[in-house]
Structure formats: structure tokens, C-alpha cells
């Protein structure tokens, strides 16, 4: 069951339906937000996902990052998740580009 406020803000919570082999549900908290500049969030494990937005000629440059700086990250690092996340981030940024880039 996805839930979110109409507009996100620092401290807002939202949830997502996810899938890694099997479906699951995760609740997130917005940890950093600046309109048209940055949005970052984390779930219970405190790993931070972040989008930085930068105005550039002809559009917006979007940089996605994920922070593995928690002591318990050794498990996901050992399982190869940094590379899996990197590939997923590339795919996400490609989908964003396809959605917001007008066909020409």
C-alpha cells in the first residue's frame, strides 16, 4: 500500500512497493529536500538515496546516489549490491530521461 503526502518536504514519509525476488513494502523518510535542487530519503536501515538536480543548458542534470556508510553495510556490500544498485540507478536515470525528454 503506497502512501505519500501530496508534496514531499524534509521530514515527510512515503512508502513504496518494492521487489527483490519477492515483493515487499518499505516506508521512507525524506532526510534532505530543497525544491528543484535535491531530494534524499532513507528507510529503517538508514541508507540514503539521493537525487541532486542541476539546471544546465536545455534541461536538468540529474545525479542519483546511494550511501553505504553504515557499519551494517558489509552484508549488502558482500552480496554485491553496490553493483546491482549502480545498474538500477542507470536504468532509473534512463527512464527519467525518456519520460521528460520530448520526442523530436
C-alpha atoms as a PDB file:
ATOM      1  CA  UNK A   1       0.000   0.000   0.000  1.00  0.00           C
ATOM      2  CA  UNK A   2       1.792   3.137  -1.242  1.00  0.00           C
ATOM      3  CA  UNK A   3       1.336   6.279   0.826  1.00  0.00           C
ATOM      4  CA  UNK A   4       2.743   9.793   0.411  1.00  0.00           C
ATOM      5  CA  UNK A   5       1.818  13.409   1.061  1.00  0.00           C
ATOM      6  CA  UNK A   6       0.684  15.449  -1.938  1.00  0.00           C
ATOM      7  CA  UNK A   7       4.104  17.191  -1.967  1.00  0.00           C
ATOM      8  CA  UNK A   8       7.284  15.958  -0.331  1.00  0.00           C
ATOM      9  CA  UNK A   9       9.232  18.013   2.235  1.00  0.00           C
ATOM     10  CA  UNK A  10      12.041  17.371   4.713  1.00  0.00           C
ATOM     11  CA  UNK A  11      10.681  15.015   7.365  1.00  0.00           C
ATOM     12  CA  UNK A  12       7.819  13.726   5.178  1.00  0.00           C
ATOM     13  CA  UNK A  13       7.240   9.993   5.000  1.00  0.00           C
ATOM     14  CA  UNK A  14       6.256   7.967   1.969  1.00  0.00           C
ATOM     15  CA  UNK A  15       6.129   4.292   1.136  1.00  0.00           C
ATOM     16  CA  UNK A  16       6.896   2.178  -1.904  1.00  0.00           C
ATOM     17  CA  UNK A  17       6.125  -1.296  -3.137  1.00  0.00           C
ATOM     18  CA  UNK A  18       9.468  -2.914  -3.997  1.00  0.00           C
ATOM     19  CA  UNK A  19      10.694  -6.224  -5.335  1.00  0.00           C
ATOM     20  CA  UNK A  20      13.984  -8.072  -4.918  1.00  0.00           C
ATOM     21  CA  UNK A  21      12.970 -11.551  -5.996  1.00  0.00           C
ATOM     22  CA  UNK A  22       9.819 -11.231  -3.889  1.00  0.00           C
ATOM     23  CA  UNK A  23       7.594  -8.181  -3.379  1.00  0.00           C
ATOM     24  CA  UNK A  24       7.926  -6.150  -0.191  1.00  0.00           C
ATOM     25  CA  UNK A  25       6.825  -2.795   1.218  1.00  0.00           C
ATOM     26  CA  UNK A  26       9.142  -0.102   2.593  1.00  0.00           C
ATOM     27  CA  UNK A  27       8.462   3.161   4.439  1.00  0.00           C
ATOM     28  CA  UNK A  28      10.889   6.063   3.833  1.00  0.00           C
ATOM     29  CA  UNK A  29      11.612   9.430   5.452  1.00  0.00           C
ATOM     30  CA  UNK A  30      12.774  12.462   3.468  1.00  0.00           C
ATOM     31  CA  UNK A  31      16.116  13.469   5.014  1.00  0.00           C
ATOM     32  CA  UNK A  32      17.034  16.361   2.710  1.00  0.00           C
ATOM     33  CA  UNK A  33      14.855  18.460   0.430  1.00  0.00           C
ATOM     34  CA  UNK A  34      15.395  21.654  -1.478  1.00  0.00           C
ATOM     35  CA  UNK A  35      12.848  22.437  -4.188  1.00  0.00           C
ATOM     36  CA  UNK A  36      14.306  21.831  -7.674  1.00  0.00           C
ATOM     37  CA  UNK A  37      17.752  21.043  -6.182  1.00  0.00           C
ATOM     38  CA  UNK A  38      17.820  17.898  -4.023  1.00  0.00           C
ATOM     39  CA  UNK A  39      15.715  15.158  -2.518  1.00  0.00           C
ATOM     40  CA  UNK A  40      17.152  12.444  -0.293  1.00  0.00           C
ATOM     41  CA  UNK A  41      15.455   9.755   1.771  1.00  0.00           C
ATOM     42  CA  UNK A  42      16.173   6.693   3.866  1.00  0.00           C
ATOM     43  CA  UNK A  43      14.321   3.685   5.212  1.00  0.00           C
ATOM     44  CA  UNK A  44      14.751   1.802   8.507  1.00  0.00           C
ATOM     45  CA  UNK A  45      18.361   0.762   7.736  1.00  0.00           C
ATOM     46  CA  UNK A  46      19.359   4.441   7.329  1.00  0.00           C
ATOM     47  CA  UNK A  47      20.956   4.048   3.886  1.00  0.00           C
ATOM     48  CA  UNK A  48      20.367   7.269   1.936  1.00  0.00           C
ATOM     49  CA  UNK A  49      19.154   7.532  -1.654  1.00  0.00           C
ATOM     50  CA  UNK A  50      19.612  10.973  -3.157  1.00  0.00           C
ATOM     51  CA  UNK A  51      18.803  12.886  -6.338  1.00  0.00           C
ATOM     52  CA  UNK A  52      20.729  16.105  -7.000  1.00  0.00           C
ATOM     53  CA  UNK A  53      19.262  18.336  -9.692  1.00  0.00           C
ATOM     54  CA  UNK A  54      21.299  20.945 -11.552  1.00  0.00           C
ATOM     55  CA  UNK A  55      19.985  23.334 -14.175  1.00  0.00           C
ATOM     56  CA  UNK A  56      22.024  23.062 -17.364  1.00  0.00           C
ATOM     57  CA  UNK A  57      21.570  24.491 -20.822  1.00  0.00           C
ATOM     58  CA  UNK A  58      18.500  22.837 -22.307  1.00  0.00           C
ATOM     59  CA  UNK A  59      17.338  20.979 -19.191  1.00  0.00           C
ATOM     60  CA  UNK A  60      18.283  19.487 -15.867  1.00  0.00           C
ATOM     61  CA  UNK A  61      21.207  17.249 -14.972  1.00  0.00           C
ATOM     62  CA  UNK A  62      20.085  14.538 -12.517  1.00  0.00           C
ATOM     63  CA  UNK A  63      22.634  12.748 -10.344  1.00  0.00           C
ATOM     64  CA  UNK A  64      21.475   9.760  -8.293  1.00  0.00           C
ATOM     65  CA  UNK A  65      23.496   8.396  -5.381  1.00  0.00           C
ATOM     66  CA  UNK A  66      23.212   5.810  -2.625  1.00  0.00           C
ATOM     67  CA  UNK A  67      25.205   5.994   0.601  1.00  0.00           C
ATOM     68  CA  UNK A  68      26.743   2.810   2.020  1.00  0.00           C
ATOM     69  CA  UNK A  69      28.341   4.452   5.065  1.00  0.00           C
ATOM     70  CA  UNK A  70      26.581   2.432   7.792  1.00  0.00           C
ATOM     71  CA  UNK A  71      28.508  -0.264   9.709  1.00  0.00           C
ATOM     72  CA  UNK A  72      25.949  -2.905   8.745  1.00  0.00           C
ATOM     73  CA  UNK A  73      26.556  -2.231   5.020  1.00  0.00           C
ATOM     74  CA  UNK A  74      29.152  -5.031   4.970  1.00  0.00           C
ATOM     75  CA  UNK A  75      26.379  -7.556   4.325  1.00  0.00           C
ATOM     76  CA  UNK A  76      24.935  -5.844   1.268  1.00  0.00           C
ATOM     77  CA  UNK A  77      28.413  -4.990   0.004  1.00  0.00           C
ATOM     78  CA  UNK A  78      29.463  -8.645   0.345  1.00  0.00           C
ATOM     79  CA  UNK A  79      26.332  -9.699  -1.583  1.00  0.00           C
ATOM     80  CA  UNK A  80      27.261  -7.419  -4.493  1.00  0.00           C
ATOM     81  CA  UNK A  81      24.521  -4.846  -4.006  1.00  0.00           C
ATOM     82  CA  UNK A  82      26.643  -1.784  -4.878  1.00  0.00           C
ATOM     83  CA  UNK A  83      26.978  -3.003  -8.470  1.00  0.00           C
ATOM     84  CA  UNK A  84      23.312  -4.069  -8.614  1.00  0.00           C
ATOM     85  CA  UNK A  85      22.292  -0.636  -7.307  1.00  0.00           C
ATOM     86  CA  UNK A  86      24.578   1.081  -9.830  1.00  0.00           C
ATOM     87  CA  UNK A  87      22.891  -0.772 -12.700  1.00  0.00           C
ATOM     88  CA  UNK A  88      19.442   0.019 -11.278  1.00  0.00           C
ATOM     89  CA  UNK A  89      20.385   3.702 -10.947  1.00  0.00           C
ATOM     90  CA  UNK A  90      21.497   3.831 -14.589  1.00  0.00           C
ATOM     91  CA  UNK A  91      18.173   2.261 -15.635  1.00  0.00           C
ATOM     92  CA  UNK A  92      16.202   4.699 -13.459  1.00  0.00           C
ATOM     93  CA  UNK A  93      18.002   7.725 -14.902  1.00  0.00           C
ATOM     94  CA  UNK A  94      17.364   6.404 -18.433  1.00  0.00           C
ATOM     95  CA  UNK A  95      13.631   6.033 -17.632  1.00  0.00           C
ATOM     96  CA  UNK A  96      13.533   9.590 -16.228  1.00  0.00           C
ATOM     97  CA  UNK A  97      15.226  10.884 -19.373  1.00  0.00           C
ATOM     98  CA  UNK A  98      12.709   9.093 -21.618  1.00  0.00           C
ATOM     99  CA  UNK A  99       9.782  10.466 -19.632  1.00  0.00           C
ATOM    100  CA  UNK A 100      10.893  14.104 -19.536  1.00  0.00           C
ATOM    101  CA  UNK A 101      12.686  14.427 -22.901  1.00  0.00           C
ATOM    102  CA  UNK A 102      10.297  15.451 -25.654  1.00  0.00           C
ATOM    103  CA  UNK A 103      10.347  13.267 -28.766  1.00  0.00           C
ATOM    104  CA  UNK A 104      11.980  15.083 -31.619  1.00  0.00           C
END
